[in-house]
Protein backbone atom coordinates (compact mmCIF):
# COMPACT_ATOMS: atom_id res chain seq x y z
CA UNK A 1 -0.07 -71.53 1.43
CA UNK A 2 3.43 -69.94 1.77
CA UNK A 3 1.86 -66.45 1.92
CA UNK A 4 -0.49 -67.47 4.63
CA UNK A 5 2.37 -68.92 6.68
CA UNK A 6 4.35 -65.76 6.13
CA UNK A 7 1.59 -63.67 7.70
CA UNK A 8 1.98 -65.55 10.98
CA UNK A 9 5.80 -66.05 10.90
CA UNK A 10 8.72 -64.27 12.58
CA UNK A 11 10.15 -63.03 9.34
CA UNK A 12 9.23 -59.30 9.28
CA UNK A 13 9.96 -58.82 5.60
CA UNK A 14 7.99 -61.94 4.63
CA UNK A 15 5.02 -60.66 6.74
CA UNK A 16 5.15 -57.33 5.06
CA UNK A 17 5.31 -58.85 1.59
CA UNK A 18 2.40 -61.27 2.29
CA UNK A 19 0.35 -58.49 3.86
CA UNK A 20 0.10 -56.72 0.45
CA UNK A 21 -2.03 -59.58 -0.83
CA UNK A 22 -3.93 -60.09 2.42
CA UNK A 23 -7.20 -58.89 1.01
CA UNK A 24 -6.92 -61.24 -2.02
CA UNK A 25 -6.10 -64.11 0.35
CA UNK A 26 -9.18 -63.57 2.27
CA UNK A 27 -11.43 -63.05 -0.75
CA UNK A 28 -10.09 -66.23 -2.40
CA UNK A 29 -10.58 -68.27 0.76
CA UNK A 30 -6.91 -68.98 1.31
CA UNK A 31 -7.43 -68.06 5.02
CA UNK A 32 -10.19 -70.15 6.63
CA UNK A 33 -13.14 -67.91 7.24
CA UNK A 34 -13.31 -68.70 10.92
CA UNK A 35 -9.75 -67.45 11.47
CA UNK A 36 -9.48 -64.67 8.86
CA UNK A 37 -10.94 -61.93 11.02
CA UNK A 38 -8.72 -62.71 14.06
CA UNK A 39 -5.69 -62.88 11.76
CA UNK A 40 -6.49 -59.46 10.41
CA UNK A 41 -7.06 -58.05 13.92
CA UNK A 42 -3.63 -59.36 15.04
CA UNK A 43 -1.90 -57.94 11.93
CA UNK A 44 -3.58 -54.56 12.64
CA UNK A 45 -1.30 -54.51 15.69
CA UNK A 46 1.82 -55.64 14.01
CA UNK A 47 5.10 -53.77 14.73
CA UNK A 48 5.54 -52.99 11.04
CA UNK A 49 3.25 -50.07 9.91
CA UNK A 50 3.02 -51.46 6.32
CA UNK A 51 1.47 -54.64 7.69
CA UNK A 52 -0.85 -52.74 10.04
CA UNK A 53 -1.92 -50.49 7.05
CA UNK A 54 -2.63 -53.58 4.83
CA UNK A 55 -4.57 -55.28 7.64
CA UNK A 56 -6.72 -52.18 8.03
CA UNK A 57 -7.48 -52.02 4.28
CA UNK A 58 -8.59 -55.71 4.38
CA UNK A 59 -11.05 -55.16 7.25
CA UNK A 60 -13.71 -53.92 4.95
CA UNK A 61 -14.64 -57.45 3.75
CA UNK A 62 -15.90 -58.72 7.00
CA UNK A 63 -19.51 -58.46 8.25
CA UNK A 64 -18.87 -58.12 12.02
CA UNK A 65 -19.39 -54.31 12.30
CA UNK A 66 -18.75 -53.95 15.97
CA UNK A 67 -15.45 -55.79 15.81
CA UNK A 68 -14.42 -53.90 12.75
CA UNK A 69 -15.13 -50.55 14.45
CA UNK A 70 -12.87 -51.58 17.36
CA UNK A 71 -10.00 -52.30 14.91
CA UNK A 72 -10.55 -49.13 13.01
CA UNK A 73 -10.79 -46.92 16.09
CA UNK A 74 -7.39 -48.18 17.23
CA UNK A 75 -5.98 -47.74 13.73
CA UNK A 76 -7.30 -44.13 13.58
CA UNK A 77 -5.04 -43.39 16.62
CA UNK A 78 -2.07 -45.16 15.04
CA UNK A 79 1.26 -43.32 15.38
CA UNK A 80 1.89 -43.96 11.64
CA UNK A 81 -0.12 -41.42 9.56
CA UNK A 82 -0.51 -43.86 6.65
CA UNK A 83 -2.12 -46.48 8.92
CA UNK A 84 -4.50 -43.82 10.26
CA UNK A 85 -5.33 -42.69 6.71
CA UNK A 86 -5.95 -46.27 5.67
CA UNK A 87 -8.36 -46.56 8.74
CA UNK A 88 -10.17 -43.41 7.66
CA UNK A 89 -10.58 -44.75 4.11
CA UNK A 90 -11.90 -48.14 5.41
CA UNK A 91 -14.40 -46.31 7.49
CA UNK A 92 -15.64 -44.18 4.52
CA UNK A 93 -15.86 -47.51 2.58
CA UNK A 94 -17.92 -49.12 5.40
CA UNK A 95 -20.23 -45.97 5.71
CA UNK A 96 -20.87 -46.03 1.93
CA UNK A 97 -21.79 -49.73 2.13
CA UNK A 98 -24.27 -48.90 4.80
């Protein structure tokens, strides 16, 4: 619960730390399914590039392809090369999944 709260809080360091386990939080159901994607979308626009990168990596667990492509397209143009690289890897993962 504390990790989920940290993702939406004002503490930048806590948000970054919690973002490292974002994928696991989603897969374990710690984030309610109906709000998980929107949370990831918001985090993909976070000021901290590490949080953006981790959000982009987590996008692959969702089924809404059109919405995922929108997030990935934005991340591919990110000013941080690691975020853009994470988006490229996520896109390759989605392409392999069909």
